[in-house]
Structure formats: structure tokens, C-alpha cells
Amino acid sequence: QYRMHPQIMSFVNHFYDGQLICGNKEKDRSHNIILKSKNNTLLSLDDHVLWIDTSLDLKGKPFKESEDRTNRLEAQLIARTLVDIDQQYVQQGFGRHNKQVVGVVSFYAAQCRVIREEIKKINNGQIQFDAIHVEINTVIRYQGKEKPIILISLVRNDGGPKDKRRSARANVARFEFINVAMSRAQNLLIIFGARNMLEARDIWLPNMDKPGKQKKQVYRQIFAQLDRNARIFDASEMSELCDEAKLKGKGVQK
């Protein structure tokens, strides 16, 4: 594959039994974005995959999705992240005539609507940014597309323990949806999702070398890799991402 940075490819490779190979390792896939919390660097220039665990809210309390398949916590975090990315690109000289491109993906149209609402709340009522062009859409609409930066909202969180048995028919367990969502990014992939919902979930994967499917706990492998590489953080780490000083003039009420 020629699209993804090797780190992103390594992440996606869990769904392909490790058979993806990077066709051009020397290609410049830098994103030039740094995300910091009060205590940690969440994303450095050398990181191309980041997972924000939304099992708990910004105060460390259990969080549940809404009945209409929306997740206000993830929408707020994505809006804050977009504002931060936009401000950094403004400082780097990008603007109206040379905007950077960012994609936001969810499995649910209702969540895309909520993300737009949260962006407007902290962006002077606007969905447009100064230095980034943002496309917010469902996984189905993203088939065949690619973007330098992709943010994903997985939405699902029933607030239950991670070892609870959950449906293999949910969108977060469907290979064809997961594959499209996570393989759109070229330079940077940021996922907002509840670890407690995913770690013990079985995924039916197509066999790469023969007909049929096999059942694997792919997310467990993914989280193990993220833990090893320190690329997963709790949502509470992002509570200072867009503090009052950063959002001054952005219309945020604290």
C-alpha cells in the first residue's frame, strides 16, 4: 500500500493478518501537529496514530452514549482537537488559500450532526476554519477517499465492564466498516473510542489466503500495541487541550 504512514499501516495490519506492506517508506508523511495535556505530550511529530479512550469522561467518571447513537463527549473532544490543529496550522502559515485537509469519520450520521454542533459552539458559530478544510461524514461516504489527517468517532459506549459480551453485529465489529474508517488516513490517525466496549469484542475477519472467515479479538491486539508505544490516553488528558487562553475569542463559555 502507498497511502498510509508505516505506523498507520501497522495499526491497520491487525485486520489483515500482517500482510500489508508499505510501498514507499521514504515518502514525506509528516503532519506537523503536537498535542499536549497538562502532564503529557499526547501526540509528537513522530507519532502518526493516537487513541483517546472515551470510556470515562473528562472528570474520570463513567460515560454512556445516548440512545440515538450519538456520543457528545467524543464530539466535544473532536471539536477541541480541530480547533487546536487549526490554530497550529495558522501559526505555520496556512490560511484561506492553502488550507490543510482533515477528515472526520463516524459510523453514524447522527454523530456527524452532533460533531458539527460542537464545532459551532467553540468556533464562533462556524463550521469553517481558518487553516483547515474539514469534511465530516459517515464511513459509507468515505469509501474510496483518503485524507492527510483523519479523526474517527466510534460512538458506542454502554458504560459496562470491558469483559462484558457484546454483539458482533455492531458497526464497530464489522470488518468492512472498520477497515474503511481506519485506512483513510495518510499522515495522522486519531481515534476517539471507548476501550471498555472494544477490548473483549470478537471480530470476524476474512481469511487472507483462503475462503471463509476467522474470529479474532483484534482490538485486544491493537490496544496492546498502543500500550507498548504509549499512543493511548484517557479522555481526561484532553481537558486542558483547549483551555480558556487558547479559546479566547472563540465564543466558548466556561
C-alpha atoms as a PDB file:
ATOM      1  CA  GLN A   1       0.000   0.000   0.000  1.00  0.00           C
ATOM      2  CA  TYR A   2       1.178   3.525  -0.812  1.00  0.00           C
ATOM      3  CA  ARG A   3      -1.369   5.604   1.127  1.00  0.00           C
ATOM      4  CA  MET A   4      -0.549   5.276   4.811  1.00  0.00           C
ATOM      5  CA  HIS A   5       2.398   6.155   7.019  1.00  0.00           C
ATOM      6  CA  PRO A   6       4.035   2.893   8.208  1.00  0.00           C
ATOM      7  CA  GLN A   7       2.706   3.441  11.768  1.00  0.00           C
ATOM      8  CA  ILE A   8      -0.860   3.687  10.474  1.00  0.00           C
ATOM      9  CA  MET A   9      -0.297   0.670   8.248  1.00  0.00           C
ATOM     10  CA  SER A  10       0.997  -1.322  11.229  1.00  0.00           C
ATOM     11  CA  PHE A  11      -2.187  -0.388  13.091  1.00  0.00           C
ATOM     12  CA  VAL A  12      -4.495  -1.382  10.216  1.00  0.00           C
ATOM     13  CA  ASN A  13      -2.457  -4.545   9.615  1.00  0.00           C
ATOM     14  CA  HIS A  14      -4.145  -6.169  12.620  1.00  0.00           C
ATOM     15  CA  PHE A  15      -7.168  -6.589  10.353  1.00  0.00           C
ATOM     16  CA  TYR A  16      -5.077  -8.043   7.509  1.00  0.00           C
ATOM     17  CA  ASP A  17      -3.090 -10.688   9.363  1.00  0.00           C
ATOM     18  CA  GLY A  18       0.039  -8.537   8.929  1.00  0.00           C
ATOM     19  CA  GLN A  19       0.074  -8.846   5.137  1.00  0.00           C
ATOM     20  CA  LEU A  20       0.054  -5.139   4.209  1.00  0.00           C
ATOM     21  CA  ILE A  21       3.442  -3.841   3.058  1.00  0.00           C
ATOM     22  CA  CYS A  22       4.449  -0.186   2.794  1.00  0.00           C
ATOM     23  CA  GLY A  23       5.236   0.582  -0.845  1.00  0.00           C
ATOM     24  CA  ASN A  24       7.099   3.858  -0.241  1.00  0.00           C
ATOM     25  CA  LYS A  25       8.672   4.264   3.199  1.00  0.00           C
ATOM     26  CA  GLU A  26      10.628   7.365   2.139  1.00  0.00           C
ATOM     27  CA  LYS A  27       7.564   9.454   1.239  1.00  0.00           C
ATOM     28  CA  ASP A  28       7.119  12.541   3.418  1.00  0.00           C
ATOM     29  CA  ARG A  29       4.063  11.858   5.572  1.00  0.00           C
ATOM     30  CA  SER A  30       4.707  14.481   8.261  1.00  0.00           C
ATOM     31  CA  HIS A  31       1.676  16.148   9.872  1.00  0.00           C
ATOM     32  CA  ASN A  32       3.481  18.870  11.892  1.00  0.00           C
ATOM     33  CA  ILE A  33       0.985  18.728  14.767  1.00  0.00           C
ATOM     34  CA  ILE A  34       1.737  18.449  18.503  1.00  0.00           C
ATOM     35  CA  LEU A  35      -0.999  17.825  21.077  1.00  0.00           C
ATOM     36  CA  LYS A  36      -0.186  18.325  24.752  1.00  0.00           C
ATOM     37  CA  SER A  37      -2.048  17.954  28.018  1.00  0.00           C
ATOM     38  CA  LYS A  38      -1.041  19.349  31.384  1.00  0.00           C
ATOM     39  CA  ASN A  39       1.097  16.310  32.139  1.00  0.00           C
ATOM     40  CA  ASN A  40       1.820  14.580  28.840  1.00  0.00           C
ATOM     41  CA  THR A  41       2.629  15.008  25.201  1.00  0.00           C
ATOM     42  CA  LEU A  42      -0.301  13.184  23.638  1.00  0.00           C
ATOM     43  CA  LEU A  43       0.967  13.493  20.090  1.00  0.00           C
ATOM     44  CA  SER A  44       4.502  14.298  18.976  1.00  0.00           C
ATOM     45  CA  LEU A  45       5.788  14.952  15.465  1.00  0.00           C
ATOM     46  CA  ASP A  46       6.970  11.335  15.373  1.00  0.00           C
ATOM     47  CA  ASP A  47       3.557   9.877  16.283  1.00  0.00           C
ATOM     48  CA  HIS A  48       1.129   9.093  13.485  1.00  0.00           C
ATOM     49  CA  VAL A  49      -1.502   7.161  15.470  1.00  0.00           C
ATOM     50  CA  LEU A  50      -3.273   8.321  18.643  1.00  0.00           C
ATOM     51  CA  TRP A  51      -6.195   6.735  20.506  1.00  0.00           C
ATOM     52  CA  ILE A  52      -8.233   8.753  23.006  1.00  0.00           C
ATOM     53  CA  ASP A  53     -10.076   6.374  25.339  1.00  0.00           C
ATOM     54  CA  THR A  54     -13.588   7.710  25.951  1.00  0.00           C
ATOM     55  CA  SER A  55     -14.629   5.013  28.444  1.00  0.00           C
ATOM     56  CA  LEU A  56     -14.632   7.783  31.088  1.00  0.00           C
ATOM     57  CA  ASP A  57     -15.469  11.467  30.698  1.00  0.00           C
ATOM     58  CA  LEU A  58     -13.193  14.470  31.261  1.00  0.00           C
ATOM     59  CA  LYS A  59     -13.625  14.144  35.037  1.00  0.00           C
ATOM     60  CA  GLY A  60     -12.854  10.428  35.041  1.00  0.00           C
ATOM     61  CA  LYS A  61     -16.463   9.346  35.533  1.00  0.00           C
ATOM     62  CA  PRO A  62     -18.172   6.535  33.555  1.00  0.00           C
ATOM     63  CA  PHE A  63     -19.798   7.768  30.369  1.00  0.00           C
ATOM     64  CA  LYS A  64     -22.546   6.304  28.177  1.00  0.00           C
ATOM     65  CA  GLU A  65     -23.608   7.067  24.632  1.00  0.00           C
ATOM     66  CA  SER A  66     -27.090   8.480  24.010  1.00  0.00           C
ATOM     67  CA  GLU A  67     -29.939   6.278  22.820  1.00  0.00           C
ATOM     68  CA  ASP A  68     -29.855   7.894  19.367  1.00  0.00           C
ATOM     69  CA  ARG A  69     -26.321   6.573  18.722  1.00  0.00           C
ATOM     70  CA  THR A  70     -24.594   9.855  19.496  1.00  0.00           C
ATOM     71  CA  ASN A  71     -21.696  10.493  21.839  1.00  0.00           C
ATOM     72  CA  ARG A  72     -21.469  14.104  22.972  1.00  0.00           C
ATOM     73  CA  LEU A  73     -18.140  13.526  24.748  1.00  0.00           C
ATOM     74  CA  GLU A  74     -16.414  12.343  21.571  1.00  0.00           C
ATOM     75  CA  ALA A  75     -17.992  15.174  19.578  1.00  0.00           C
ATOM     76  CA  GLN A  76     -16.664  17.755  22.048  1.00  0.00           C
ATOM     77  CA  LEU A  77     -13.179  16.236  22.017  1.00  0.00           C
ATOM     78  CA  ILE A  78     -13.092  16.188  18.221  1.00  0.00           C
ATOM     79  CA  ALA A  79     -14.218  19.827  18.075  1.00  0.00           C
ATOM     80  CA  ARG A  80     -11.495  20.839  20.542  1.00  0.00           C
ATOM     81  CA  THR A  81      -8.883  18.867  18.615  1.00  0.00           C
ATOM     82  CA  LEU A  82      -9.869  20.532  15.331  1.00  0.00           C
ATOM     83  CA  VAL A  83      -9.573  23.992  16.901  1.00  0.00           C
ATOM     84  CA  ASP A  84      -6.105  23.111  18.206  1.00  0.00           C
ATOM     85  CA  ILE A  85      -4.987  21.716  14.841  1.00  0.00           C
ATOM     86  CA  ASP A  86      -6.349  24.786  13.048  1.00  0.00           C
ATOM     87  CA  GLN A  87      -4.501  27.175  15.360  1.00  0.00           C
ATOM     88  CA  GLN A  88      -1.231  25.324  14.847  1.00  0.00           C
ATOM     89  CA  TYR A  89      -1.579  25.434  11.065  1.00  0.00           C
ATOM     90  CA  VAL A  90      -2.402  29.162  11.204  1.00  0.00           C
ATOM     91  CA  GLN A  91       0.869  29.664  13.096  1.00  0.00           C
ATOM     92  CA  GLN A  92       2.656  27.650  10.395  1.00  0.00           C
ATOM     93  CA  GLY A  93       1.416  29.999   7.676  1.00  0.00           C
ATOM     94  CA  PHE A  94      -1.549  28.108   6.300  1.00  0.00           C
ATOM     95  CA  GLY A  95      -4.737  30.009   5.568  1.00  0.00           C
ATOM     96  CA  ARG A  96      -7.673  30.541   3.271  1.00  0.00           C
ATOM     97  CA  HIS A  97      -5.731  29.904   0.064  1.00  0.00           C
ATOM     98  CA  ASN A  98      -3.679  26.887   1.190  1.00  0.00           C
ATOM     99  CA  LYS A  99      -5.733  25.018   3.764  1.00  0.00           C
ATOM    100  CA  GLN A 100      -4.714  21.642   5.150  1.00  0.00           C
ATOM    101  CA  VAL A 101      -7.289  18.869   4.733  1.00  0.00           C
ATOM    102  CA  VAL A 102      -8.797  16.955   7.670  1.00  0.00           C
ATOM    103  CA  GLY A 103     -11.455  14.247   7.563  1.00  0.00           C
ATOM    104  CA  VAL A 104     -13.810  13.358  10.416  1.00  0.00           C
ATOM    105  CA  VAL A 105     -15.468   9.939  10.200  1.00  0.00           C
ATOM    106  CA  SER A 106     -18.193   8.197  12.191  1.00  0.00           C
ATOM    107  CA  PHE A 107     -20.377   5.147  11.662  1.00  0.00           C
ATOM    108  CA  TYR A 108     -23.495   7.217  12.368  1.00  0.00           C
ATOM    109  CA  ALA A 109     -24.998  10.223  10.575  1.00  0.00           C
ATOM    110  CA  ALA A 110     -26.461  11.461  13.876  1.00  0.00           C
ATOM    111  CA  GLN A 111     -22.959  11.650  15.348  1.00  0.00           C
ATOM    112  CA  CYS A 112     -21.742  13.674  12.365  1.00  0.00           C
ATOM    113  CA  ARG A 113     -24.534  16.157  13.117  1.00  0.00           C
ATOM    114  CA  VAL A 114     -23.545  16.393  16.797  1.00  0.00           C
ATOM    115  CA  ILE A 115     -19.885  16.936  15.861  1.00  0.00           C
ATOM    116  CA  ARG A 116     -20.906  19.867  13.651  1.00  0.00           C
ATOM    117  CA  GLU A 117     -22.948  21.288  16.541  1.00  0.00           C
ATOM    118  CA  GLU A 118     -19.981  21.092  18.919  1.00  0.00           C
ATOM    119  CA  ILE A 119     -17.660  22.734  16.382  1.00  0.00           C
ATOM    120  CA  LYS A 120     -20.024  25.682  16.040  1.00  0.00           C
ATOM    121  CA  LYS A 121     -20.167  26.101  19.837  1.00  0.00           C
ATOM    122  CA  ILE A 122     -16.431  26.798  20.067  1.00  0.00           C
ATOM    123  CA  ASN A 123     -15.792  28.271  16.616  1.00  0.00           C
ATOM    124  CA  ASN A 124     -17.931  31.424  16.582  1.00  0.00           C
ATOM    125  CA  GLY A 125     -20.905  29.548  15.198  1.00  0.00           C
ATOM    126  CA  GLN A 126     -18.928  28.500  12.129  1.00  0.00           C
ATOM    127  CA  ILE A 127     -18.237  25.069  10.685  1.00  0.00           C
ATOM    128  CA  GLN A 128     -15.375  26.511   8.597  1.00  0.00           C
ATOM    129  CA  PHE A 129     -11.861  27.009   9.954  1.00  0.00           C
ATOM    130  CA  ASP A 130      -9.080  29.447   9.095  1.00  0.00           C
ATOM    131  CA  ALA A 131      -6.385  26.979   8.029  1.00  0.00           C
ATOM    132  CA  ILE A 132      -8.049  23.571   7.662  1.00  0.00           C
ATOM    133  CA  HIS A 133     -10.752  22.258   5.365  1.00  0.00           C
ATOM    134  CA  VAL A 134     -12.802  19.722   7.318  1.00  0.00           C
ATOM    135  CA  GLU A 135     -15.059  17.066   5.798  1.00  0.00           C
ATOM    136  CA  ILE A 136     -17.368  15.372   8.324  1.00  0.00           C
ATOM    137  CA  ASN A 137     -19.087  12.276   7.015  1.00  0.00           C
ATOM    138  CA  THR A 138     -20.106   8.671   7.600  1.00  0.00           C
ATOM    139  CA  VAL A 139     -17.914   5.682   6.836  1.00  0.00           C
ATOM    140  CA  ILE A 140     -20.044   4.786   3.822  1.00  0.00           C
ATOM    141  CA  ARG A 141     -19.431   8.229   2.298  1.00  0.00           C
ATOM    142  CA  TYR A 142     -15.684   7.841   2.839  1.00  0.00           C
ATOM    143  CA  GLN A 143     -15.264   4.698   0.733  1.00  0.00           C
ATOM    144  CA  GLY A 144     -12.545   5.276  -1.857  1.00  0.00           C
ATOM    145  CA  LYS A 145     -11.382   8.534  -0.254  1.00  0.00           C
ATOM    146  CA  GLU A 146      -8.205   9.431   1.602  1.00  0.00           C
ATOM    147  CA  LYS A 147      -7.178  12.435   3.709  1.00  0.00           C
ATOM    148  CA  PRO A 148      -3.854  13.547   5.231  1.00  0.00           C
ATOM    149  CA  ILE A 149      -5.453  13.601   8.707  1.00  0.00           C
ATOM    150  CA  ILE A 150      -8.415  11.504   9.851  1.00  0.00           C
ATOM    151  CA  LEU A 151     -10.302  11.739  13.161  1.00  0.00           C
ATOM    152  CA  ILE A 152     -12.702   8.879  13.953  1.00  0.00           C
ATOM    153  CA  SER A 153     -15.592   8.831  16.419  1.00  0.00           C
ATOM    154  CA  LEU A 154     -16.583   5.250  17.282  1.00  0.00           C
ATOM    155  CA  VAL A 155     -19.528   6.457  19.449  1.00  0.00           C
ATOM    156  CA  ARG A 156     -20.522   3.188  21.127  1.00  0.00           C
ATOM    157  CA  ASN A 157     -20.233   3.070  24.923  1.00  0.00           C
ATOM    158  CA  ASP A 158     -22.746   1.279  27.151  1.00  0.00           C
ATOM    159  CA  GLY A 159     -20.754   2.111  30.289  1.00  0.00           C
ATOM    160  CA  GLY A 160     -20.326  -1.572  31.105  1.00  0.00           C
ATOM    161  CA  PRO A 161     -17.201  -3.564  32.024  1.00  0.00           C
ATOM    162  CA  LYS A 162     -14.710  -4.454  29.315  1.00  0.00           C
ATOM    163  CA  ASP A 163     -15.244  -8.220  29.708  1.00  0.00           C
ATOM    164  CA  LYS A 164     -18.999  -7.973  29.022  1.00  0.00           C
ATOM    165  CA  ARG A 165     -20.075  -9.935  25.929  1.00  0.00           C
ATOM    166  CA  ARG A 166     -21.321  -7.648  23.157  1.00  0.00           C
ATOM    167  CA  SER A 167     -22.899  -8.056  19.737  1.00  0.00           C
ATOM    168  CA  ALA A 168     -20.672  -8.997  16.812  1.00  0.00           C
ATOM    169  CA  ARG A 169     -23.138  -7.202  14.529  1.00  0.00           C
ATOM    170  CA  ALA A 170     -22.413  -3.694  15.816  1.00  0.00           C
ATOM    171  CA  ASN A 171     -20.683  -1.381  13.340  1.00  0.00           C
ATOM    172  CA  VAL A 172     -17.528  -1.291  15.483  1.00  0.00           C
ATOM    173  CA  ALA A 173     -17.334  -5.079  14.997  1.00  0.00           C
ATOM    174  CA  ARG A 174     -17.910  -5.135  11.233  1.00  0.00           C
ATOM    175  CA  PHE A 175     -14.683  -5.578   9.299  1.00  0.00           C
ATOM    176  CA  GLU A 176     -15.889  -3.732   6.205  1.00  0.00           C
ATOM    177  CA  PHE A 177     -16.768  -0.622   8.247  1.00  0.00           C
ATOM    178  CA  ILE A 178     -13.698  -0.677  10.493  1.00  0.00           C
ATOM    179  CA  ASN A 179     -11.414  -1.208   7.525  1.00  0.00           C
ATOM    180  CA  VAL A 180     -12.765   1.786   5.603  1.00  0.00           C
ATOM    181  CA  ALA A 181     -12.705   4.071   8.652  1.00  0.00           C
ATOM    182  CA  MET A 182      -9.179   3.293   9.794  1.00  0.00           C
ATOM    183  CA  SER A 183      -7.463   3.062   6.421  1.00  0.00           C
ATOM    184  CA  ARG A 184      -8.415   6.523   5.074  1.00  0.00           C
ATOM    185  CA  ALA A 185      -5.586   8.389   6.830  1.00  0.00           C
ATOM    186  CA  GLN A 186      -2.307   9.172   5.076  1.00  0.00           C
ATOM    187  CA  ASN A 187      -0.282  11.016   7.727  1.00  0.00           C
ATOM    188  CA  LEU A 188      -2.201  11.037  11.017  1.00  0.00           C
ATOM    189  CA  LEU A 189      -4.976   8.887  12.504  1.00  0.00           C
ATOM    190  CA  ILE A 190      -6.701   9.913  15.753  1.00  0.00           C
ATOM    191  CA  ILE A 191      -9.403   7.610  17.128  1.00  0.00           C
ATOM    192  CA  PHE A 192     -11.898   8.531  19.827  1.00  0.00           C
ATOM    193  CA  GLY A 193     -13.417   5.354  21.225  1.00  0.00           C
ATOM    194  CA  ALA A 194     -14.292   3.543  24.456  1.00  0.00           C
ATOM    195  CA  ARG A 195     -11.765   0.837  25.238  1.00  0.00           C
ATOM    196  CA  ASN A 196     -14.174  -0.884  27.631  1.00  0.00           C
ATOM    197  CA  MET A 197     -16.547  -1.509  24.689  1.00  0.00           C
ATOM    198  CA  LEU A 198     -13.961  -2.977  22.367  1.00  0.00           C
ATOM    199  CA  GLU A 199     -11.187  -4.886  24.108  1.00  0.00           C
ATOM    200  CA  ALA A 200     -13.042  -8.205  24.501  1.00  0.00           C
ATOM    201  CA  ARG A 201     -15.114  -7.893  21.323  1.00  0.00           C
ATOM    202  CA  ASP A 202     -14.859 -10.631  18.701  1.00  0.00           C
ATOM    203  CA  ILE A 203     -14.368  -9.560  15.081  1.00  0.00           C
ATOM    204  CA  TRP A 204     -14.997 -11.834  12.110  1.00  0.00           C
ATOM    205  CA  LEU A 205     -12.154 -11.255   9.659  1.00  0.00           C
ATOM    206  CA  PRO A 206     -11.955 -12.591   6.101  1.00  0.00           C
ATOM    207  CA  ASN A 207      -9.109 -15.060   5.633  1.00  0.00           C
ATOM    208  CA  MET A 208      -6.358 -13.557   3.518  1.00  0.00           C
ATOM    209  CA  ASP A 209      -5.183 -16.807   1.908  1.00  0.00           C
ATOM    210  CA  LYS A 210      -8.319 -18.971   1.718  1.00  0.00           C
ATOM    211  CA  PRO A 211     -12.124 -18.701   1.625  1.00  0.00           C
ATOM    212  CA  GLY A 212     -14.072 -18.112   4.808  1.00  0.00           C
ATOM    213  CA  LYS A 213     -13.686 -16.045   7.965  1.00  0.00           C
ATOM    214  CA  GLN A 214     -11.956 -16.339  11.320  1.00  0.00           C
ATOM    215  CA  LYS A 215     -12.935 -14.869  14.685  1.00  0.00           C
ATOM    216  CA  LYS A 216     -10.278 -12.754  16.411  1.00  0.00           C
ATOM    217  CA  GLN A 217     -10.105 -10.255  19.249  1.00  0.00           C
ATOM    218  CA  VAL A 218      -8.398  -7.695  17.059  1.00  0.00           C
ATOM    219  CA  TYR A 219      -8.995  -4.750  19.351  1.00  0.00           C
ATOM    220  CA  ARG A 220      -7.165  -6.534  22.167  1.00  0.00           C
ATOM    221  CA  GLN A 221      -4.104  -6.757  19.893  1.00  0.00           C
ATOM    222  CA  ILE A 222      -4.484  -3.125  18.881  1.00  0.00           C
ATOM    223  CA  PHE A 223      -4.656  -1.905  22.483  1.00  0.00           C
ATOM    224  CA  ALA A 224      -1.615  -3.982  23.404  1.00  0.00           C
ATOM    225  CA  GLN A 225       0.330  -2.269  20.613  1.00  0.00           C
ATOM    226  CA  LEU A 226      -0.954   1.170  21.640  1.00  0.00           C
ATOM    227  CA  ASP A 227       0.030   0.484  25.263  1.00  0.00           C
ATOM    228  CA  ARG A 228       3.536  -0.598  24.230  1.00  0.00           C
ATOM    229  CA  ASN A 229       4.049   2.515  22.141  1.00  0.00           C
ATOM    230  CA  ALA A 230       2.349   4.941  24.581  1.00  0.00           C
ATOM    231  CA  ARG A 231      -0.155   6.070  21.974  1.00  0.00           C
ATOM    232  CA  ILE A 232      -3.348   5.751  24.028  1.00  0.00           C
ATOM    233  CA  PHE A 233      -4.574   8.257  26.621  1.00  0.00           C
ATOM    234  CA  ASP A 234      -7.704   8.754  28.713  1.00  0.00           C
ATOM    235  CA  ALA A 235     -10.154  11.444  27.612  1.00  0.00           C
ATOM    236  CA  SER A 236      -9.411  13.341  30.838  1.00  0.00           C
ATOM    237  CA  GLU A 237      -5.934  14.096  29.469  1.00  0.00           C
ATOM    238  CA  MET A 238      -7.586  16.349  26.890  1.00  0.00           C
ATOM    239  CA  SER A 239      -9.432  18.540  29.387  1.00  0.00           C
ATOM    240  CA  GLU A 240      -6.729  21.215  29.096  1.00  0.00           C
ATOM    241  CA  LEU A 241      -6.202  20.776  25.343  1.00  0.00           C
ATOM    242  CA  CYS A 242      -8.224  23.873  24.553  1.00  0.00           C
ATOM    243  CA  ASP A 243      -8.045  25.929  27.712  1.00  0.00           C
ATOM    244  CA  GLU A 244      -9.557  29.379  28.153  1.00  0.00           C
ATOM    245  CA  ALA A 245      -6.499  31.174  26.796  1.00  0.00           C
ATOM    246  CA  LYS A 246      -6.420  29.131  23.614  1.00  0.00           C
ATOM    247  CA  LEU A 247     -10.133  29.586  23.030  1.00  0.00           C
ATOM    248  CA  LYS A 248     -10.160  33.310  23.730  1.00  0.00           C
ATOM    249  CA  GLY A 249     -12.300  34.899  21.076  1.00  0.00           C
ATOM    250  CA  LYS A 250     -13.728  31.554  20.008  1.00  0.00           C
ATOM    251  CA  GLY A 251     -17.041  32.056  21.770  1.00  0.00           C
ATOM    252  CA  VAL A 252     -16.619  29.428  24.456  1.00  0.00           C
ATOM    253  CA  GLN A 253     -18.470  29.730  27.735  1.00  0.00           C
ATOM    254  CA  LYS A 254     -16.578  28.245  30.675  1.00  0.00           C
END
